[in-house]
């Protein structure tokens, strides 16, 4: 599933949650901070590497939306698209970091412009696939390129890392 000669073109971390709240815009002089919030469902953190392209996005969205990683009321594991629930998509460029000495480097990440474009297309694709499946899933997302504050309540931790 990789596009760069065996190296991943994207990385996602999925985490089941009971509730999540993400600051998408910090407070400024005359306005309060803005947040998005979801209830029970899943948080997807996403990072794109150099070489990532739009061709990768349909496979990523399909895989991430259909993995059976959410616990239903009956205790059965189902995909987020099978829940009445929520999905929070968070841009997370730090997933592309590599330790060098005592510092982190992000040389393998896409440019900010490409990352913004790919992230927006990924969010739209997820919204479209869930709407087409008539899933009872509310989709919220973070703001690419900004520092964001996340509060997460999980019934796990139940966290999975997937490279594409």
N, C-alpha and C. Protein backbone atom coordinates (compact mmCIF):
# COMPACT_ATOMS: atom_id res chain seq x y z
N UNK A 1 0.80 -1.20 0.00
CA UNK A 1 0.00 0.00 0.00
C UNK A 1 0.85 1.26 0.00
N UNK A 2 2.13 1.13 -0.06
CA UNK A 2 2.98 2.31 0.00
C UNK A 2 3.32 2.78 -1.40
N UNK A 3 3.64 4.06 -1.52
CA UNK A 3 3.91 4.65 -2.83
C UNK A 3 5.36 5.04 -3.01
N UNK A 4 6.18 5.00 -1.98
CA UNK A 4 7.55 5.52 -2.07
C UNK A 4 8.56 4.39 -1.94
N UNK A 5 8.48 3.38 -2.77
CA UNK A 5 9.46 2.30 -2.73
C UNK A 5 9.51 1.60 -1.39
N UNK A 6 8.38 1.27 -0.82
CA UNK A 6 8.33 0.57 0.44
C UNK A 6 8.13 1.48 1.65
N UNK A 7 8.50 2.75 1.52
CA UNK A 7 8.27 3.70 2.62
C UNK A 7 6.80 4.16 2.56
N UNK A 8 6.20 4.41 3.70
CA UNK A 8 4.79 4.81 3.67
C UNK A 8 4.60 6.18 3.01
N UNK A 9 3.44 6.35 2.36
CA UNK A 9 3.06 7.63 1.77
C UNK A 9 2.17 8.41 2.74
N UNK A 10 1.61 7.68 3.71
CA UNK A 10 0.76 8.32 4.71
C UNK A 10 0.73 7.44 5.95
N UNK A 11 0.39 8.05 7.07
CA UNK A 11 0.28 7.31 8.32
C UNK A 11 -0.98 7.78 9.04
N UNK A 12 -1.69 6.84 9.63
CA UNK A 12 -2.89 7.17 10.40
C UNK A 12 -2.83 6.47 11.75
N UNK A 13 -3.33 7.14 12.75
CA UNK A 13 -3.52 6.54 14.06
C UNK A 13 -5.02 6.64 14.34
N UNK A 14 -5.61 5.51 14.73
CA UNK A 14 -7.03 5.48 15.03
C UNK A 14 -7.20 5.22 16.52
N UNK A 15 -8.13 5.92 17.12
CA UNK A 15 -8.36 5.75 18.54
C UNK A 15 -9.86 5.82 18.82
N UNK A 16 -10.36 4.76 19.43
CA UNK A 16 -11.74 4.72 19.85
C UNK A 16 -11.95 5.76 20.95
N UNK A 17 -13.09 6.43 20.96
CA UNK A 17 -13.30 7.43 22.01
C UNK A 17 -14.75 7.43 22.49
N UNK A 18 -14.91 7.91 23.71
CA UNK A 18 -16.23 8.16 24.27
C UNK A 18 -16.66 9.60 23.99
N UNK A 19 -15.65 10.48 23.95
CA UNK A 19 -15.89 11.89 23.66
C UNK A 19 -14.55 12.53 23.33
N UNK A 20 -14.55 13.49 22.42
CA UNK A 20 -13.34 14.24 22.09
C UNK A 20 -13.73 15.68 21.79
N UNK A 21 -12.84 16.58 22.18
CA UNK A 21 -13.05 18.02 21.94
C UNK A 21 -11.74 18.59 21.43
N UNK A 22 -11.79 19.22 20.27
CA UNK A 22 -10.59 19.74 19.62
C UNK A 22 -10.74 21.24 19.38
N UNK A 23 -9.75 21.99 19.85
CA UNK A 23 -9.72 23.43 19.56
C UNK A 23 -9.24 23.60 18.12
N UNK A 24 -10.04 24.26 17.31
CA UNK A 24 -9.68 24.44 15.90
C UNK A 24 -9.25 25.86 15.59
N UNK A 25 -9.48 26.77 16.54
CA UNK A 25 -9.05 28.16 16.36
C UNK A 25 -8.78 28.73 17.75
N UNK A 26 -7.57 29.24 17.98
CA UNK A 26 -7.27 29.79 19.31
C UNK A 26 -8.01 31.10 19.57
N UNK A 27 -8.10 31.43 20.83
CA UNK A 27 -8.69 32.71 21.21
C UNK A 27 -7.81 33.83 20.69
N UNK A 28 -8.43 34.88 20.21
CA UNK A 28 -7.72 36.09 19.82
C UNK A 28 -8.36 37.26 20.55
N UNK A 29 -7.83 38.41 20.36
CA UNK A 29 -8.18 39.59 21.15
C UNK A 29 -9.68 39.72 21.45
N UNK A 30 -10.52 39.69 20.46
CA UNK A 30 -11.95 39.93 20.68
C UNK A 30 -12.83 38.70 20.51
N UNK A 31 -12.24 37.53 20.32
CA UNK A 31 -13.09 36.34 20.13
C UNK A 31 -12.53 35.16 20.93
N UNK A 32 -13.45 34.32 21.35
CA UNK A 32 -13.08 33.15 22.13
C UNK A 32 -12.54 32.06 21.20
N UNK A 33 -11.88 31.09 21.79
CA UNK A 33 -11.40 29.93 21.03
C UNK A 33 -12.61 29.19 20.46
N UNK A 34 -12.39 28.52 19.32
CA UNK A 34 -13.45 27.72 18.70
C UNK A 34 -13.08 26.25 18.79
N UNK A 35 -14.08 25.41 19.02
CA UNK A 35 -13.88 23.98 19.21
C UNK A 35 -14.85 23.19 18.35
N UNK A 36 -14.46 21.96 18.02
CA UNK A 36 -15.40 20.97 17.50
C UNK A 36 -15.41 19.85 18.53
N UNK A 37 -16.53 19.16 18.62
CA UNK A 37 -16.66 18.10 19.62
C UNK A 37 -17.42 16.93 19.02
N UNK A 38 -17.00 15.74 19.42
CA UNK A 38 -17.73 14.54 19.03
C UNK A 38 -18.04 13.73 20.28
N UNK A 39 -19.02 12.88 20.15
CA UNK A 39 -19.32 11.92 21.19
C UNK A 39 -18.74 10.58 20.76
N UNK A 40 -19.32 9.51 21.20
CA UNK A 40 -18.79 8.18 20.97
C UNK A 40 -18.47 7.93 19.51
N UNK A 41 -17.28 7.38 19.27
CA UNK A 41 -16.88 7.08 17.91
C UNK A 41 -15.39 6.87 17.81
N UNK A 42 -14.78 7.56 16.84
CA UNK A 42 -13.36 7.35 16.57
C UNK A 42 -12.67 8.65 16.20
N UNK A 43 -11.41 8.74 16.62
CA UNK A 43 -10.55 9.85 16.22
C UNK A 43 -9.52 9.26 15.25
N UNK A 44 -9.34 9.93 14.12
CA UNK A 44 -8.31 9.54 13.15
C UNK A 44 -7.30 10.69 13.08
N UNK A 45 -6.05 10.39 13.41
CA UNK A 45 -4.95 11.34 13.24
C UNK A 45 -4.30 10.97 11.91
N UNK A 46 -3.99 11.97 11.07
CA UNK A 46 -3.49 11.67 9.73
C UNK A 46 -2.26 12.52 9.39
N UNK A 47 -1.29 11.88 8.73
CA UNK A 47 -0.07 12.55 8.30
C UNK A 47 0.28 12.05 6.90
N UNK A 48 0.69 12.97 6.03
CA UNK A 48 1.09 12.60 4.67
C UNK A 48 2.58 12.83 4.50
N UNK A 49 3.23 11.89 3.79
CA UNK A 49 4.66 11.97 3.52
C UNK A 49 4.91 12.39 2.08
N UNK A 50 6.15 12.80 1.79
CA UNK A 50 6.53 13.14 0.43
C UNK A 50 6.17 11.97 -0.48
N UNK A 51 5.62 12.28 -1.63
CA UNK A 51 5.22 11.24 -2.58
C UNK A 51 3.75 10.86 -2.45
N UNK A 52 3.06 11.31 -1.41
CA UNK A 52 1.63 11.01 -1.28
C UNK A 52 0.86 11.71 -2.39
N UNK A 53 -0.16 11.04 -2.91
CA UNK A 53 -0.96 11.63 -3.98
C UNK A 53 -2.44 11.34 -3.72
N UNK A 54 -3.26 12.01 -4.50
CA UNK A 54 -4.71 11.83 -4.38
C UNK A 54 -5.13 10.39 -4.67
N UNK A 55 -4.35 9.65 -5.43
CA UNK A 55 -4.68 8.25 -5.75
C UNK A 55 -4.76 7.39 -4.50
N UNK A 56 -4.05 7.77 -3.47
CA UNK A 56 -4.00 7.01 -2.22
C UNK A 56 -5.26 7.19 -1.36
N UNK A 57 -5.93 8.31 -1.51
CA UNK A 57 -7.00 8.70 -0.61
C UNK A 57 -8.21 7.76 -0.57
N UNK A 58 -8.74 7.29 -1.70
CA UNK A 58 -9.90 6.39 -1.62
C UNK A 58 -9.63 5.11 -0.82
N UNK A 59 -8.46 4.52 -1.00
CA UNK A 59 -8.09 3.31 -0.26
C UNK A 59 -7.96 3.63 1.23
N UNK A 60 -7.33 4.75 1.55
CA UNK A 60 -7.19 5.15 2.95
C UNK A 60 -8.54 5.33 3.61
N UNK A 61 -9.42 6.10 2.97
CA UNK A 61 -10.74 6.37 3.56
C UNK A 61 -11.52 5.08 3.73
N UNK A 62 -11.54 4.25 2.71
CA UNK A 62 -12.27 2.99 2.80
C UNK A 62 -11.75 2.10 3.93
N UNK A 63 -10.43 1.98 4.00
CA UNK A 63 -9.83 1.15 5.05
C UNK A 63 -10.16 1.69 6.43
N UNK A 64 -9.94 2.97 6.65
CA UNK A 64 -10.10 3.55 7.98
C UNK A 64 -11.55 3.60 8.43
N UNK A 65 -12.48 3.79 7.50
CA UNK A 65 -13.89 3.85 7.86
C UNK A 65 -14.51 2.48 8.07
N UNK A 66 -13.86 1.44 7.55
CA UNK A 66 -14.47 0.10 7.61
C UNK A 66 -13.78 -0.89 8.54
N UNK A 67 -12.67 -0.49 9.16
CA UNK A 67 -12.04 -1.37 10.14
C UNK A 67 -12.94 -1.51 11.36
N UNK A 68 -13.08 -2.71 11.85
CA UNK A 68 -13.95 -2.98 13.00
C UNK A 68 -13.18 -2.72 14.29
N UNK A 69 -13.16 -1.44 14.67
CA UNK A 69 -12.40 -1.01 15.84
C UNK A 69 -13.24 -0.28 16.88
N UNK A 70 -14.54 -0.23 16.68
CA UNK A 70 -15.42 0.46 17.63
C UNK A 70 -16.29 -0.57 18.32
N UNK A 71 -16.51 -0.36 19.60
CA UNK A 71 -17.34 -1.28 20.36
C UNK A 71 -18.79 -0.81 20.33
N UNK A 72 -19.69 -1.69 19.90
CA UNK A 72 -21.11 -1.36 19.86
C UNK A 72 -21.71 -1.52 21.26
N UNK A 73 -22.97 -1.14 21.40
CA UNK A 73 -23.65 -1.28 22.69
C UNK A 73 -23.66 -2.72 23.18
N UNK A 74 -23.69 -3.66 22.24
CA UNK A 74 -23.73 -5.08 22.61
C UNK A 74 -22.34 -5.65 22.91
N UNK A 75 -21.30 -4.83 22.71
CA UNK A 75 -19.93 -5.29 22.95
C UNK A 75 -19.26 -5.85 21.71
N UNK A 76 -20.01 -5.95 20.61
CA UNK A 76 -19.46 -6.44 19.35
C UNK A 76 -18.61 -5.34 18.70
N UNK A 77 -17.50 -5.73 18.07
CA UNK A 77 -16.65 -4.77 17.39
C UNK A 77 -17.23 -4.49 16.00
N UNK A 78 -17.40 -3.21 15.71
CA UNK A 78 -17.96 -2.77 14.43
C UNK A 78 -17.11 -1.62 13.90
N UNK A 79 -17.31 -1.27 12.64
CA UNK A 79 -16.61 -0.11 12.07
C UNK A 79 -17.34 1.16 12.49
N UNK A 80 -16.66 2.29 12.39
CA UNK A 80 -17.29 3.56 12.73
C UNK A 80 -18.50 3.81 11.83
N UNK A 81 -18.45 3.31 10.59
CA UNK A 81 -19.57 3.52 9.67
C UNK A 81 -20.81 2.72 10.06
N UNK A 82 -20.65 1.72 10.93
CA UNK A 82 -21.79 0.91 11.39
C UNK A 82 -22.40 1.46 12.67
N UNK A 83 -21.73 2.40 13.30
CA UNK A 83 -22.23 2.98 14.54
C UNK A 83 -23.17 4.14 14.25
N UNK A 84 -24.11 4.36 15.13
CA UNK A 84 -24.57 5.74 15.22
C UNK A 84 -23.51 6.40 16.10
N UNK A 85 -22.71 7.27 15.54
CA UNK A 85 -21.61 7.82 16.31
C UNK A 85 -20.95 8.99 15.61
N UNK A 86 -19.69 9.19 15.93
CA UNK A 86 -18.98 10.37 15.47
C UNK A 86 -17.57 10.02 15.01
N UNK A 87 -17.04 10.87 14.14
CA UNK A 87 -15.68 10.73 13.65
C UNK A 87 -15.01 12.09 13.73
N UNK A 88 -13.83 12.13 14.32
CA UNK A 88 -13.03 13.35 14.38
C UNK A 88 -11.74 13.09 13.63
N UNK A 89 -11.47 13.89 12.60
CA UNK A 89 -10.25 13.73 11.80
C UNK A 89 -9.31 14.88 12.16
N UNK A 90 -8.10 14.51 12.60
CA UNK A 90 -7.14 15.48 13.11
C UNK A 90 -5.86 15.43 12.28
N UNK A 91 -5.45 16.56 11.67
CA UNK A 91 -4.16 16.57 10.98
C UNK A 91 -3.05 16.47 12.03
N UNK A 92 -2.09 15.58 11.79
CA UNK A 92 -1.07 15.32 12.82
C UNK A 92 0.28 15.12 12.14
N UNK A 93 0.90 16.21 11.71
CA UNK A 93 2.17 16.13 11.00
C UNK A 93 3.27 15.51 11.84
N UNK A 94 3.15 15.55 13.16
CA UNK A 94 4.20 14.98 14.01
C UNK A 94 4.29 13.47 13.89
N UNK A 95 3.30 12.83 13.28
CA UNK A 95 3.38 11.38 13.05
C UNK A 95 4.50 11.05 12.06
N UNK A 96 4.98 12.05 11.35
CA UNK A 96 6.05 11.84 10.38
C UNK A 96 7.44 12.12 10.93
N UNK A 97 7.54 12.35 12.21
CA UNK A 97 8.82 12.70 12.80
C UNK A 97 9.75 11.52 12.98
N UNK A 98 11.05 11.82 12.88
CA UNK A 98 12.10 10.84 13.16
C UNK A 98 13.08 11.47 14.15
N UNK A 99 13.47 10.68 15.13
CA UNK A 99 14.41 11.19 16.12
C UNK A 99 15.81 11.28 15.51
N UNK A 100 16.46 12.40 15.72
CA UNK A 100 17.86 12.56 15.33
C UNK A 100 18.55 13.21 16.52
N UNK A 101 19.33 12.41 17.21
CA UNK A 101 19.92 12.89 18.45
C UNK A 101 18.81 13.10 19.46
N UNK A 102 18.75 14.30 20.00
CA UNK A 102 17.72 14.61 20.99
C UNK A 102 16.62 15.50 20.41
N UNK A 103 16.54 15.57 19.08
CA UNK A 103 15.54 16.40 18.41
C UNK A 103 14.73 15.55 17.43
N UNK A 104 13.59 16.08 17.05
CA UNK A 104 12.75 15.42 16.04
C UNK A 104 12.90 16.19 14.72
N UNK A 105 12.93 15.43 13.62
CA UNK A 105 12.99 16.02 12.29
C UNK A 105 11.80 15.52 11.48
N UNK A 106 11.33 16.37 10.57
CA UNK A 106 10.12 16.07 9.79
C UNK A 106 10.39 16.20 8.29
N UNK A 107 11.58 15.82 7.86
CA UNK A 107 11.99 15.99 6.47
C UNK A 107 11.19 15.13 5.49
N UNK A 108 10.57 14.04 5.95
CA UNK A 108 9.83 13.16 5.04
C UNK A 108 8.37 13.58 4.83
N UNK A 109 7.91 14.60 5.58
CA UNK A 109 6.53 15.05 5.42
C UNK A 109 6.35 15.82 4.12
N UNK A 110 5.12 15.83 3.60
CA UNK A 110 4.81 16.63 2.41
C UNK A 110 4.93 18.10 2.76
N UNK A 111 4.97 18.93 1.75
CA UNK A 111 4.97 20.38 1.98
C UNK A 111 3.64 20.77 2.63
N UNK A 112 3.64 21.92 3.27
CA UNK A 112 2.41 22.38 3.93
C UNK A 112 1.27 22.52 2.91
N UNK A 113 1.57 23.02 1.73
CA UNK A 113 0.55 23.22 0.70
C UNK A 113 -0.05 21.88 0.26
N UNK A 114 0.82 20.89 -0.02
CA UNK A 114 0.33 19.57 -0.42
C UNK A 114 -0.41 18.89 0.72
N UNK A 115 0.09 19.05 1.94
CA UNK A 115 -0.58 18.46 3.09
C UNK A 115 -1.97 19.03 3.29
N UNK A 116 -2.11 20.33 3.15
CA UNK A 116 -3.41 20.99 3.28
C UNK A 116 -4.38 20.46 2.22
N UNK A 117 -3.91 20.36 0.99
CA UNK A 117 -4.76 19.88 -0.10
C UNK A 117 -5.18 18.42 0.12
N UNK A 118 -4.21 17.56 0.47
CA UNK A 118 -4.51 16.15 0.70
C UNK A 118 -5.43 15.95 1.89
N UNK A 119 -5.19 16.70 2.96
CA UNK A 119 -6.03 16.60 4.15
C UNK A 119 -7.47 17.01 3.83
N UNK A 120 -7.65 18.13 3.14
CA UNK A 120 -9.00 18.57 2.76
C UNK A 120 -9.71 17.55 1.89
N UNK A 121 -8.98 16.98 0.94
CA UNK A 121 -9.57 15.97 0.05
C UNK A 121 -9.93 14.70 0.84
N UNK A 122 -9.08 14.32 1.80
CA UNK A 122 -9.35 13.14 2.63
C UNK A 122 -10.61 13.35 3.48
N UNK A 123 -10.74 14.52 4.09
CA UNK A 123 -11.93 14.81 4.91
C UNK A 123 -13.18 14.74 4.03
N UNK A 124 -13.13 15.38 2.86
CA UNK A 124 -14.29 15.37 1.94
C UNK A 124 -14.65 13.96 1.50
N UNK A 125 -13.64 13.16 1.23
CA UNK A 125 -13.86 11.78 0.81
C UNK A 125 -14.52 10.96 1.92
N UNK A 126 -14.06 11.13 3.14
CA UNK A 126 -14.68 10.43 4.28
C UNK A 126 -16.13 10.85 4.44
N UNK A 127 -16.39 12.15 4.37
CA UNK A 127 -17.77 12.64 4.48
C UNK A 127 -18.64 12.05 3.37
N UNK A 128 -18.11 12.02 2.16
CA UNK A 128 -18.86 11.48 1.02
C UNK A 128 -19.13 9.99 1.14
N UNK A 129 -18.12 9.21 1.56
CA UNK A 129 -18.32 7.76 1.71
C UNK A 129 -19.34 7.45 2.80
N UNK A 130 -19.29 8.19 3.90
CA UNK A 130 -20.25 7.95 4.99
C UNK A 130 -21.65 8.36 4.56
N UNK A 131 -21.79 9.45 3.83
CA UNK A 131 -23.10 9.88 3.34
C UNK A 131 -23.66 8.87 2.34
N UNK A 132 -22.81 8.37 1.44
CA UNK A 132 -23.25 7.40 0.45
C UNK A 132 -23.71 6.09 1.10
N UNK A 133 -23.07 5.75 2.22
CA UNK A 133 -23.43 4.52 2.95
C UNK A 133 -24.61 4.76 3.89
N UNK A 134 -25.12 6.01 3.89
CA UNK A 134 -26.21 6.39 4.79
C UNK A 134 -25.89 6.05 6.23
N UNK A 135 -24.61 6.23 6.59
CA UNK A 135 -24.16 5.96 7.95
C UNK A 135 -24.62 7.09 8.87
N UNK A 136 -24.95 6.71 10.09
CA UNK A 136 -25.37 7.69 11.10
C UNK A 136 -24.12 8.18 11.84
N UNK A 137 -23.23 8.83 11.09
CA UNK A 137 -21.96 9.27 11.64
C UNK A 137 -21.79 10.77 11.40
N UNK A 138 -21.54 11.50 12.46
CA UNK A 138 -21.24 12.92 12.38
C UNK A 138 -19.74 13.06 12.19
N UNK A 139 -19.31 13.84 11.20
CA UNK A 139 -17.88 14.04 10.93
C UNK A 139 -17.49 15.45 11.31
N UNK A 140 -16.45 15.55 12.13
CA UNK A 140 -15.84 16.83 12.49
C UNK A 140 -14.36 16.72 12.15
N UNK A 141 -13.70 17.86 12.00
CA UNK A 141 -12.28 17.80 11.65
C UNK A 141 -11.54 19.01 12.18
N UNK A 142 -10.24 18.83 12.32
CA UNK A 142 -9.36 19.88 12.78
C UNK A 142 -8.93 20.79 11.65
N UNK A 143 -8.07 21.73 11.99
CA UNK A 143 -7.57 22.73 11.05
C UNK A 143 -6.12 22.42 10.72
N UNK A 144 -5.83 22.21 9.46
CA UNK A 144 -4.48 21.85 9.03
C UNK A 144 -3.52 23.02 9.25
N UNK A 145 -2.35 22.71 9.81
CA UNK A 145 -1.29 23.69 9.94
C UNK A 145 -1.33 24.52 11.21
N UNK A 146 -2.32 24.31 12.06
CA UNK A 146 -2.41 25.06 13.31
C UNK A 146 -2.14 24.15 14.49
N UNK A 147 -1.61 24.72 15.56
CA UNK A 147 -1.51 23.98 16.81
C UNK A 147 -2.94 23.85 17.35
N UNK A 148 -3.29 22.66 17.80
CA UNK A 148 -4.64 22.41 18.26
C UNK A 148 -4.59 21.76 19.64
N UNK A 149 -5.60 22.02 20.44
CA UNK A 149 -5.69 21.46 21.78
C UNK A 149 -6.75 20.37 21.75
N UNK A 150 -6.39 19.17 22.21
CA UNK A 150 -7.30 18.04 22.17
C UNK A 150 -7.57 17.52 23.57
N UNK A 151 -8.83 17.30 23.87
CA UNK A 151 -9.23 16.62 25.09
C UNK A 151 -9.97 15.36 24.64
N UNK A 152 -9.53 14.22 25.16
CA UNK A 152 -10.05 12.94 24.69
C UNK A 152 -10.39 12.04 25.86
N UNK A 153 -11.59 11.51 25.85
CA UNK A 153 -11.99 10.48 26.82
C UNK A 153 -12.12 9.19 26.03
N UNK A 154 -11.36 8.19 26.45
CA UNK A 154 -11.37 6.93 25.73
C UNK A 154 -11.71 5.79 26.68
N UNK A 155 -12.28 4.75 26.14
CA UNK A 155 -12.56 3.55 26.91
C UNK A 155 -11.57 2.47 26.52
N UNK A 156 -10.34 2.86 26.42
CA UNK A 156 -9.27 1.96 26.02
C UNK A 156 -8.11 2.11 26.97
N UNK A 157 -6.97 2.59 26.59
CA UNK A 157 -6.74 3.12 25.25
C UNK A 157 -6.78 2.00 24.22
N UNK A 158 -7.36 2.29 23.13
CA UNK A 158 -7.52 1.33 22.05
C UNK A 158 -7.04 2.04 20.81
N UNK A 159 -5.73 2.03 20.58
CA UNK A 159 -5.07 2.85 19.58
C UNK A 159 -4.37 1.98 18.55
N UNK A 160 -4.51 2.32 17.28
CA UNK A 160 -3.92 1.54 16.18
C UNK A 160 -3.18 2.45 15.22
N UNK A 161 -1.99 2.01 14.78
CA UNK A 161 -1.17 2.73 13.82
C UNK A 161 -1.22 1.99 12.49
N UNK A 162 -1.51 2.72 11.42
CA UNK A 162 -1.61 2.10 10.09
C UNK A 162 -0.83 2.95 9.10
N UNK A 163 0.09 2.32 8.38
CA UNK A 163 0.83 2.99 7.31
C UNK A 163 0.21 2.63 5.97
N UNK A 164 0.20 3.60 5.06
CA UNK A 164 -0.34 3.39 3.70
C UNK A 164 0.74 3.67 2.70
